[in-house]
C-alpha atoms as a PDB file:
ATOM      1  CA  MET A   1     157.512 208.103  99.294  1.00  0.00           C
ATOM      2  CA  ARG A   2     160.899 209.917  99.393  1.00  0.00           C
ATOM      3  CA  MET A   3     161.312 211.616  96.003  1.00  0.00           C
ATOM      4  CA  ALA A   4     164.477 213.154  94.559  1.00  0.00           C
ATOM      5  CA  SER A   5     164.622 216.945  94.694  1.00  0.00           C
ATOM      6  CA  PRO A   6     164.084 218.357  91.190  1.00  0.00           C
ATOM      7  CA  SER A   7     166.702 221.079  91.830  1.00  0.00           C
ATOM      8  CA  GLY A   8     169.552 218.610  91.833  1.00  0.00           C
ATOM      9  CA  PHE A   9     168.766 217.651  88.265  1.00  0.00           C
ATOM     10  CA  ALA A  10     167.560 220.867  86.882  1.00  0.00           C
ATOM     11  CA  LEU A  11     170.806 221.741  85.133  1.00  0.00           C
ATOM     12  CA  LEU A  12     171.102 218.134  83.843  1.00  0.00           C
ATOM     13  CA  GLN A  13     167.754 218.020  82.170  1.00  0.00           C
ATOM     14  CA  LYS A  14     166.885 218.837  78.597  1.00  0.00           C
ATOM     15  CA  LYS A  15     163.943 217.902  76.345  1.00  0.00           C
ATOM     16  CA  ALA A  16     164.585 215.323  73.627  1.00  0.00           C
ATOM     17  CA  PRO A  17     162.138 213.307  71.511  1.00  0.00           C
ATOM     18  CA  LEU A  18     161.983 209.607  72.115  1.00  0.00           C
ATOM     19  CA  VAL A  19     163.344 207.734  69.080  1.00  0.00           C
ATOM     20  CA  GLY A  20     160.328 206.558  67.137  1.00  0.00           C
ATOM     21  CA  ALA A  21     156.695 207.570  67.100  1.00  0.00           C
ATOM     22  CA  PHE A  22     155.807 205.891  70.356  1.00  0.00           C
ATOM     23  CA  PHE A  23     153.765 208.684  71.826  1.00  0.00           C
ATOM     24  CA  MET A  24     153.136 212.390  71.320  1.00  0.00           C
ATOM     25  CA  GLY A  25     155.197 215.103  72.983  1.00  0.00           C
ATOM     26  CA  VAL A  26     158.609 214.860  74.586  1.00  0.00           C
ATOM     27  CA  ILE A  27     160.273 213.091  77.459  1.00  0.00           C
ATOM     28  CA  TRP A  28     162.917 214.258  79.947  1.00  0.00           C
ATOM     29  CA  HIS A  29     166.368 212.912  78.771  1.00  0.00           C
ATOM     30  CA  LEU A  30     168.681 212.611  81.679  1.00  0.00           C
ATOM     31  CA  PRO A  31     172.410 211.982  81.325  1.00  0.00           C
ATOM     32  CA  ALA A  32     172.782 208.465  82.951  1.00  0.00           C
ATOM     33  CA  GLN A  33     176.219 209.370  84.267  1.00  0.00           C
ATOM     34  CA  ALA A  34     174.497 211.780  86.591  1.00  0.00           C
ATOM     35  CA  PHE A  35     173.025 208.698  88.189  1.00  0.00           C
ATOM     36  CA  CYS A  36     175.399 205.712  87.709  1.00  0.00           C
ATOM     37  CA  PRO A  37     178.990 206.521  86.950  1.00  0.00           C
ATOM     38  CA  LEU A  38     180.963 204.213  84.643  1.00  0.00           C
ATOM     39  CA  PRO A  39     183.095 201.673  86.741  1.00  0.00           C
ATOM     40  CA  ASP A  40     186.654 200.777  85.881  1.00  0.00           C
ATOM     41  CA  LYS A  41     187.265 198.728  82.728  1.00  0.00           C
ATOM     42  CA  PRO A  42     183.974 196.971  81.853  1.00  0.00           C
ATOM     43  CA  GLN A  43     184.231 194.034  79.423  1.00  0.00           C
ATOM     44  CA  GLN A  44     183.709 195.200  75.874  1.00  0.00           C
ATOM     45  CA  VAL A  45     181.133 193.108  73.972  1.00  0.00           C
ATOM     46  CA  ALA A  46     179.270 193.358  70.656  1.00  0.00           C
ATOM     47  CA  VAL A  47     175.576 193.283  70.506  1.00  0.00           C
ATOM     48  CA  ARG A  48     173.787 191.204  67.907  1.00  0.00           C
ATOM     49  CA  GLN A  49     170.141 191.922  68.842  1.00  0.00           C
ATOM     50  CA  VAL A  50     167.937 193.819  71.276  1.00  0.00           C
ATOM     51  CA  ILE A  51     165.249 191.375  72.432  1.00  0.00           C
ATOM     52  CA  ASP A  52     163.276 193.830  74.462  1.00  0.00           C
ATOM     53  CA  GLY A  53     163.751 196.809  76.771  1.00  0.00           C
ATOM     54  CA  ASP A  54     165.880 194.906  79.289  1.00  0.00           C
ATOM     55  CA  THR A  55     167.403 191.940  77.305  1.00  0.00           C
ATOM     56  CA  LEU A  56     170.186 191.801  74.722  1.00  0.00           C
ATOM     57  CA  ARG A  57     171.832 189.023  72.757  1.00  0.00           C
ATOM     58  CA  LEU A  58     175.477 189.332  72.086  1.00  0.00           C
ATOM     59  CA  VAL A  59     177.449 188.291  69.072  1.00  0.00           C
ATOM     60  CA  ASP A  60     179.202 185.631  71.233  1.00  0.00           C
ATOM     61  CA  GLY A  61     175.769 183.938  71.789  1.00  0.00           C
ATOM     62  CA  ARG A  62     175.051 185.087  75.304  1.00  0.00           C
ATOM     63  CA  SER A  63     171.744 186.493  76.395  1.00  0.00           C
ATOM     64  CA  VAL A  64     172.132 189.432  78.799  1.00  0.00           C
ATOM     65  CA  ARG A  65     169.445 190.504  81.235  1.00  0.00           C
ATOM     66  CA  LEU A  66     170.035 194.025  82.365  1.00  0.00           C
ATOM     67  CA  ILE A  67     170.313 194.428  86.178  1.00  0.00           C
ATOM     68  CA  GLY A  68     168.018 196.859  87.994  1.00  0.00           C
ATOM     69  CA  ILE A  69     165.301 197.385  85.492  1.00  0.00           C
ATOM     70  CA  ASN A  70     162.174 195.572  84.491  1.00  0.00           C
ATOM     71  CA  ALA A  71     160.952 196.836  81.150  1.00  0.00           C
ATOM     72  CA  PRO A  72     157.212 196.490  80.066  1.00  0.00           C
ATOM     73  CA  GLU A  73     156.749 193.016  78.431  1.00  0.00           C
ATOM     74  CA  ILE A  74     156.583 192.460  74.668  1.00  0.00           C
ATOM     75  CA  GLY A  75     153.407 190.586  73.792  1.00  0.00           C
ATOM     76  CA  ARG A  76     154.029 186.917  72.932  1.00  0.00           C
ATOM     77  CA  LYS A  77     151.755 183.938  72.342  1.00  0.00           C
ATOM     78  CA  GLY A  78     148.816 186.107  71.332  1.00  0.00           C
ATOM     79  CA  ARG A  79     149.208 188.644  74.136  1.00  0.00           C
ATOM     80  CA  SER A  80     149.311 192.337  73.589  1.00  0.00           C
ATOM     81  CA  ASN A  81     152.270 194.457  74.264  1.00  0.00           C
ATOM     82  CA  GLU A  82     152.283 196.185  77.628  1.00  0.00           C
ATOM     83  CA  PRO A  83     152.281 200.004  77.458  1.00  0.00           C
ATOM     84  CA  PHE A  84     155.699 201.412  76.429  1.00  0.00           C
ATOM     85  CA  ALA A  85     157.068 197.896  75.722  1.00  0.00           C
ATOM     86  CA  GLU A  86     157.935 198.679  72.171  1.00  0.00           C
ATOM     87  CA  ALA A  87     159.046 202.132  73.083  1.00  0.00           C
ATOM     88  CA  ALA A  88     161.496 200.674  75.566  1.00  0.00           C
ATOM     89  CA  LYS A  89     162.869 198.076  73.062  1.00  0.00           C
ATOM     90  CA  GLN A  90     163.358 200.671  70.269  1.00  0.00           C
ATOM     91  CA  ARG A  91     164.916 203.133  72.695  1.00  0.00           C
ATOM     92  CA  LEU A  92     167.478 200.472  73.828  1.00  0.00           C
ATOM     93  CA  GLN A  93     168.117 199.642  70.160  1.00  0.00           C
ATOM     94  CA  ALA A  94     168.867 203.273  69.444  1.00  0.00           C
ATOM     95  CA  LEU A  95     171.226 203.449  72.453  1.00  0.00           C
ATOM     96  CA  VAL A  96     173.131 200.437  71.314  1.00  0.00           C
ATOM     97  CA  LYS A  97     173.283 201.722  67.837  1.00  0.00           C
ATOM     98  CA  ALA A  98     174.609 205.091  69.056  1.00  0.00           C
ATOM     99  CA  SER A  99     177.374 203.180  70.857  1.00  0.00           C
ATOM    100  CA  ASP A 100     178.296 201.542  67.460  1.00  0.00           C
ATOM    101  CA  GLY A 101     176.786 198.213  68.545  1.00  0.00           C
ATOM    102  CA  ARG A 102     179.470 197.709  71.207  1.00  0.00           C
ATOM    103  CA  VAL A 103     178.857 198.157  74.982  1.00  0.00           C
ATOM    104  CA  GLY A 104     180.588 197.676  78.295  1.00  0.00           C
ATOM    105  CA  LEU A 105     179.398 194.708  80.384  1.00  0.00           C
ATOM    106  CA  VAL A 106     179.781 194.470  84.157  1.00  0.00           C
ATOM    107  CA  PRO A 107     178.481 191.184  85.472  1.00  0.00           C
ATOM    108  CA  GLY A 108     176.533 190.977  88.739  1.00  0.00           C
ATOM    109  CA  ILE A 109     177.576 189.173  91.841  1.00  0.00           C
ATOM    110  CA  GLU A 110     174.981 186.594  90.859  1.00  0.00           C
ATOM    111  CA  SER A 111     176.100 186.219  87.217  1.00  0.00           C
ATOM    112  CA  LYS A 112     173.223 184.085  85.798  1.00  0.00           C
ATOM    113  CA  ASP A 113     169.429 183.960  86.233  1.00  0.00           C
ATOM    114  CA  LYS A 114     167.300 180.821  86.312  1.00  0.00           C
ATOM    115  CA  TYR A 115     166.953 180.947  82.491  1.00  0.00           C
ATOM    116  CA  GLY A 116     170.733 180.859  81.968  1.00  0.00           C
ATOM    117  CA  ARG A 117     170.964 184.587  80.936  1.00  0.00           C
ATOM    118  CA  THR A 118     173.978 186.694  82.015  1.00  0.00           C
ATOM    119  CA  LEU A 119     172.999 189.234  84.605  1.00  0.00           C
ATOM    120  CA  ALA A 120     174.927 192.434  84.040  1.00  0.00           C
ATOM    121  CA  HIS A 121     175.023 196.313  83.996  1.00  0.00           C
ATOM    122  CA  ILE A 122     175.502 197.691  80.483  1.00  0.00           C
ATOM    123  CA  TYR A 123     177.377 200.876  79.605  1.00  0.00           C
ATOM    124  CA  ALA A 124     177.377 202.821  76.271  1.00  0.00           C
ATOM    125  CA  SER A 125     180.736 203.946  74.765  1.00  0.00           C
ATOM    126  CA  ASN A 126     180.163 207.450  76.299  1.00  0.00           C
ATOM    127  CA  GLY A 127     180.031 205.875  79.799  1.00  0.00           C
ATOM    128  CA  ASP A 128     176.284 206.083  80.277  1.00  0.00           C
ATOM    129  CA  ASN A 129     174.673 203.324  82.163  1.00  0.00           C
ATOM    130  CA  LEU A 130     171.869 202.066  79.936  1.00  0.00           C
ATOM    131  CA  GLU A 131     169.583 200.897  82.788  1.00  0.00           C
ATOM    132  CA  ALA A 132     169.617 204.359  84.313  1.00  0.00           C
ATOM    133  CA  GLN A 133     169.109 205.912  80.906  1.00  0.00           C
ATOM    134  CA  LEU A 134     165.955 203.899  80.348  1.00  0.00           C
ATOM    135  CA  LEU A 135     164.731 204.432  83.913  1.00  0.00           C
ATOM    136  CA  GLY A 136     165.404 208.106  83.655  1.00  0.00           C
ATOM    137  CA  GLU A 137     163.152 208.280  80.609  1.00  0.00           C
ATOM    138  CA  GLY A 138     160.314 206.210  82.235  1.00  0.00           C
ATOM    139  CA  LEU A 139     160.770 203.198  80.021  1.00  0.00           C
ATOM    140  CA  GLY A 140     161.072 200.575  82.832  1.00  0.00           C
ATOM    141  CA  TYR A 141     160.602 199.991  86.542  1.00  0.00           C
ATOM    142  CA  ARG A 142     163.461 199.980  88.948  1.00  0.00           C
ATOM    143  CA  VAL A 143     163.939 196.601  90.599  1.00  0.00           C
ATOM    144  CA  ALA A 144     166.467 195.245  93.184  1.00  0.00           C
ATOM    145  CA  VAL A 145     167.047 191.570  93.460  1.00  0.00           C
ATOM    146  CA  ALA A 146     169.755 190.653  96.039  1.00  0.00           C
ATOM    147  CA  PRO A 147     172.721 190.174  95.723  1.00  0.00           C
ATOM    148  CA  ASN A 148     172.796 192.321  92.540  1.00  0.00           C
ATOM    149  CA  VAL A 149     171.981 195.586  94.130  1.00  0.00           C
ATOM    150  CA  ARG A 150     175.292 197.575  93.768  1.00  0.00           C
ATOM    151  CA  LEU A 151     173.638 200.322  91.669  1.00  0.00           C
ATOM    152  CA  SER A 152     170.195 200.307  93.354  1.00  0.00           C
ATOM    153  CA  ALA A 153     170.542 203.744  94.835  1.00  0.00           C
ATOM    154  CA  CYS A 154     171.544 205.506  91.688  1.00  0.00           C
ATOM    155  CA  GLN A 155     168.961 203.608  89.678  1.00  0.00           C
ATOM    156  CA  GLN A 156     166.383 204.683  92.144  1.00  0.00           C
ATOM    157  CA  LEU A 157     167.300 208.354  91.616  1.00  0.00           C
ATOM    158  CA  ALA A 158     166.891 207.858  87.843  1.00  0.00           C
ATOM    159  CA  GLU A 159     163.400 206.470  88.247  1.00  0.00           C
ATOM    160  CA  GLN A 160     162.429 209.207  90.721  1.00  0.00           C
ATOM    161  CA  ALA A 161     163.366 211.804  88.272  1.00  0.00           C
ATOM    162  CA  ALA A 162     161.278 210.247  85.517  1.00  0.00           C
ATOM    163  CA  ARG A 163     158.405 209.894  87.893  1.00  0.00           C
ATOM    164  CA  LYS A 164     158.543 213.516  88.900  1.00  0.00           C
ATOM    165  CA  ALA A 165     158.600 214.614  85.332  1.00  0.00           C
ATOM    166  CA  GLY A 166     155.739 212.266  84.340  1.00  0.00           C
ATOM    167  CA  ALA A 167     157.825 210.675  81.649  1.00  0.00           C
ATOM    168  CA  GLY A 168     156.953 207.474  79.839  1.00  0.00           C
ATOM    169  CA  LEU A 169     154.953 204.950  81.861  1.00  0.00           C
ATOM    170  CA  TRP A 170     154.821 207.506  84.740  1.00  0.00           C
ATOM    171  CA  ARG A 171     152.714 209.894  82.593  1.00  0.00           C
ATOM    172  CA  ARG A 172     149.737 208.002  83.961  1.00  0.00           C
ATOM    173  CA  SER A 173     150.465 206.327  87.289  1.00  0.00           C
ATOM    174  CA  PRO A 174     150.763 202.566  86.966  1.00  0.00           C
ATOM    175  CA  VAL A 175     150.562 202.107  90.774  1.00  0.00           C
ATOM    176  CA  LEU A 176     147.712 199.812  91.858  1.00  0.00           C
ATOM    177  CA  ARG A 177     145.877 199.831  95.183  1.00  0.00           C
ATOM    178  CA  ALA A 178     146.268 196.501  96.893  1.00  0.00           C
ATOM    179  CA  GLY A 179     142.599 195.768  96.357  1.00  0.00           C
ATOM    180  CA  GLU A 180     142.945 196.240  92.594  1.00  0.00           C
ATOM    181  CA  VAL A 181     145.281 193.387  92.017  1.00  0.00           C
ATOM    182  CA  ARG A 182     143.744 190.945  89.582  1.00  0.00           C
ATOM    183  CA  GLN A 183     146.589 188.989  88.025  1.00  0.00           C
ATOM    184  CA  SER A 184     150.113 187.686  88.651  1.00  0.00           C
ATOM    185  CA  GLY A 185     153.158 189.345  87.193  1.00  0.00           C
ATOM    186  CA  PHE A 186     155.171 192.512  87.947  1.00  0.00           C
ATOM    187  CA  ALA A 187     153.252 195.262  89.751  1.00  0.00           C
ATOM    188  CA  VAL A 188     153.761 198.375  91.907  1.00  0.00           C
ATOM    189  CA  VAL A 189     151.184 198.159  94.732  1.00  0.00           C
ATOM    190  CA  ALA A 190     150.253 200.667  97.346  1.00  0.00           C
ATOM    191  CA  GLY A 191     148.274 200.163 100.565  1.00  0.00           C
ATOM    192  CA  ARG A 192     148.345 200.192 104.403  1.00  0.00           C
ATOM    193  CA  ILE A 193     150.202 197.593 106.354  1.00  0.00           C
ATOM    194  CA  GLU A 194     147.435 195.804 108.440  1.00  0.00           C
ATOM    195  CA  ALA A 195     149.621 193.221 110.247  1.00  0.00           C
ATOM    196  CA  VAL A 196     153.163 191.994 110.537  1.00  0.00           C
ATOM    197  CA  GLN A 197     153.576 188.278 111.118  1.00  0.00           C
ATOM    198  CA  ARG A 198     156.666 186.009 111.398  1.00  0.00           C
ATOM    199  CA  ASN A 199     156.984 182.291 110.918  1.00  0.00           C
ATOM    200  CA  ARG A 200     159.522 179.745 109.389  1.00  0.00           C
ATOM    201  CA  GLY A 201     158.677 181.061 105.922  1.00  0.00           C
ATOM    202  CA  GLY A 202     159.772 184.459 106.788  1.00  0.00           C
ATOM    203  CA  VAL A 203     158.063 187.742 107.543  1.00  0.00           C
ATOM    204  CA  TRP A 204     154.571 188.403 106.146  1.00  0.00           C
ATOM    205  CA  LEU A 205     153.067 191.879 105.811  1.00  0.00           C
ATOM    206  CA  ASN A 206     149.261 192.090 105.186  1.00  0.00           C
ATOM    207  CA  LEU A 207     148.614 194.934 102.793  1.00  0.00           C
ATOM    208  CA  ASP A 208     144.979 196.254 102.973  1.00  0.00           C
ATOM    209  CA  LYS A 209     143.743 192.682 103.593  1.00  0.00           C
ATOM    210  CA  ALA A 210     144.240 191.988  99.957  1.00  0.00           C
ATOM    211  CA  VAL A 211     147.908 191.320  99.179  1.00  0.00           C
ATOM    212  CA  VAL A 212     150.611 189.812 101.461  1.00  0.00           C
ATOM    213  CA  LEU A 213     154.111 190.955 101.092  1.00  0.00           C
ATOM    214  CA  GLN A 214     156.598 188.290 101.890  1.00  0.00           C
ATOM    215  CA  VAL A 215     160.272 188.550 102.983  1.00  0.00           C
ATOM    216  CA  PRO A 216     161.416 184.995 102.488  1.00  0.00           C
ATOM    217  CA  ALA A 217     163.395 183.512 105.326  1.00  0.00           C
ATOM    218  CA  ARG A 218     166.471 183.039 102.979  1.00  0.00           C
ATOM    219  CA  LEU A 219     166.496 186.825 102.282  1.00  0.00           C
ATOM    220  CA  GLN A 220     165.855 188.170 105.804  1.00  0.00           C
ATOM    221  CA  HIS A 221     169.563 188.765 106.432  1.00  0.00           C
ATOM    222  CA  ASN A 222     169.431 191.465 103.685  1.00  0.00           C
ATOM    223  CA  PHE A 223     166.843 193.430 105.765  1.00  0.00           C
ATOM    224  CA  PRO A 224     168.102 195.489 108.739  1.00  0.00           C
ATOM    225  CA  ALA A 225     166.810 194.362 112.173  1.00  0.00           C
ATOM    226  CA  SER A 226     164.852 197.600 112.520  1.00  0.00           C
ATOM    227  CA  PHE A 227     163.218 197.410 109.113  1.00  0.00           C
ATOM    228  CA  PHE A 228     159.986 195.953 110.434  1.00  0.00           C
ATOM    229  CA  ASP A 229     159.713 198.249 113.442  1.00  0.00           C
ATOM    230  CA  ASN A 230     156.636 200.426 113.333  1.00  0.00           C
ATOM    231  CA  LEU A 231     155.440 199.206 110.032  1.00  0.00           C
ATOM    232  CA  LYS A 232     151.946 198.310 111.065  1.00  0.00           C
ATOM    233  CA  GLY A 233     149.595 201.159 110.099  1.00  0.00           C
ATOM    234  CA  ARG A 234     152.094 202.737 107.608  1.00  0.00           C
ATOM    235  CA  GLN A 235     151.157 203.562 104.032  1.00  0.00           C
ATOM    236  CA  VAL A 236     153.623 201.922 101.721  1.00  0.00           C
ATOM    237  CA  GLU A 237     154.334 201.169  98.130  1.00  0.00           C
ATOM    238  CA  ALA A 238     155.784 197.804  97.287  1.00  0.00           C
ATOM    239  CA  ARG A 239     157.047 196.390  93.996  1.00  0.00           C
ATOM    240  CA  GLY A 240     157.806 192.975  92.577  1.00  0.00           C
ATOM    241  CA  TRP A 241     156.359 189.928  91.007  1.00  0.00           C
ATOM    242  CA  VAL A 242     152.878 189.042  92.281  1.00  0.00           C
ATOM    243  CA  LEU A 243     152.116 185.410  92.690  1.00  0.00           C
ATOM    244  CA  ASP A 244     148.717 183.757  92.580  1.00  0.00           C
ATOM    245  CA  ARG A 245     148.279 181.188  95.415  1.00  0.00           C
ATOM    246  CA  SER A 246     145.065 179.840  93.916  1.00  0.00           C
ATOM    247  CA  ARG A 247     146.798 178.248  90.997  1.00  0.00           C
ATOM    248  CA  LYS A 248     146.981 174.506  91.178  1.00  0.00           C
ATOM    249  CA  GLY A 249     145.003 174.522  94.465  1.00  0.00           C
ATOM    250  CA  GLY A 250     147.731 176.187  96.501  1.00  0.00           C
ATOM    251  CA  LEU A 251     145.394 178.584  98.358  1.00  0.00           C
ATOM    252  CA  LYS A 252     144.628 177.370 101.906  1.00  0.00           C
ATOM    253  CA  PRO A 253     141.716 178.538 104.002  1.00  0.00           C
ATOM    254  CA  GLY A 254     142.256 181.952 105.512  1.00  0.00           C
ATOM    255  CA  GLN A 255     145.081 182.858 103.136  1.00  0.00           C
ATOM    256  CA  LEU A 256     145.062 185.823 100.880  1.00  0.00           C
ATOM    257  CA  ARG A 257     145.325 184.947  97.194  1.00  0.00           C
ATOM    258  CA  TRP A 258     147.999 187.346  96.115  1.00  0.00           C
ATOM    259  CA  VAL A 259     151.700 187.259  97.386  1.00  0.00           C
ATOM    260  CA  LEU A 260     154.340 189.678  96.491  1.00  0.00           C
ATOM    261  CA  PRO A 261     157.845 188.537  97.621  1.00  0.00           C
ATOM    262  CA  LEU A 262     160.178 191.308  98.583  1.00  0.00           C
ATOM    263  CA  THR A 263     163.677 190.789  97.139  1.00  0.00           C
ATOM    264  CA  ASP A 264     165.451 193.790  98.680  1.00  0.00           C
ATOM    265  CA  PRO A 265     164.524 196.435 101.344  1.00  0.00           C
ATOM    266  CA  SER A 266     164.337 199.149  98.606  1.00  0.00           C
ATOM    267  CA  MET A 267     161.392 197.315  97.111  1.00  0.00           C
ATOM    268  CA  LEU A 268     159.252 198.661  99.920  1.00  0.00           C
ATOM    269  CA  GLU A 269     158.962 202.377 100.435  1.00  0.00           C
ATOM    270  CA  HIS A 270     156.931 204.478 102.887  1.00  0.00           C
ATOM    271  CA  VAL A 271     154.530 206.853 101.360  1.00  0.00           C
ATOM    272  CA  SER A 272     154.226 210.215 102.993  1.00  0.00           C
ATOM    273  CA  GLY A 273     150.942 211.887 103.617  1.00  0.00           C
END
């Protein structure tokens, strides 16, 4: 995978403890403006509550899902917290508090998700992009869901810096081999492209004969024509929300059980070596 050069960030980095006793040691704290500069005149809003590491509730009643980051899930309905879920939530709380409870909001091109939440980038009073801040501290995974991909490149740099530093959830690699996938939900999966197939449903990439990566037909226009050239045989890393075809009898003979739809070209990266 292409990784950011550490020299470009060397002068920007300083050690700082994560707010709260989430884990021992220190993480790399990276100024978020180094990754995602503040746009002109974001909407100023007041935050009532931090729901988790990627969701806020505003005083005006809106729920806001931060664009470009997927934080570890807080356990609900008897489930345990995912690693660093509480750390991400408390860090976001601390960042909002440091901004006096008021943040700048920049809505996405697609302004609502299927749950009715506002999709937006969030900025602190000092101009820091909070998604990049959390990604740079290893407290979430970068995601890109078209058409809300304007900050994808700078958010990718933030995550790469955390990954190189072994910060947060990158301290112990969360990347799964394709054959290790055992459940649906968000995952970062690595493997070799065994085959590339096209049909009316889109483009299908067979990963280690264990997971199929799908570029849905409705999203193919977001992928360059050359994107699929020479993919067969390449080692790649893909990320997204894994689906289980076997649920409700949806698995047909000859199909792989696990499907990972790709929502943007940056959700698939070549792995060097």
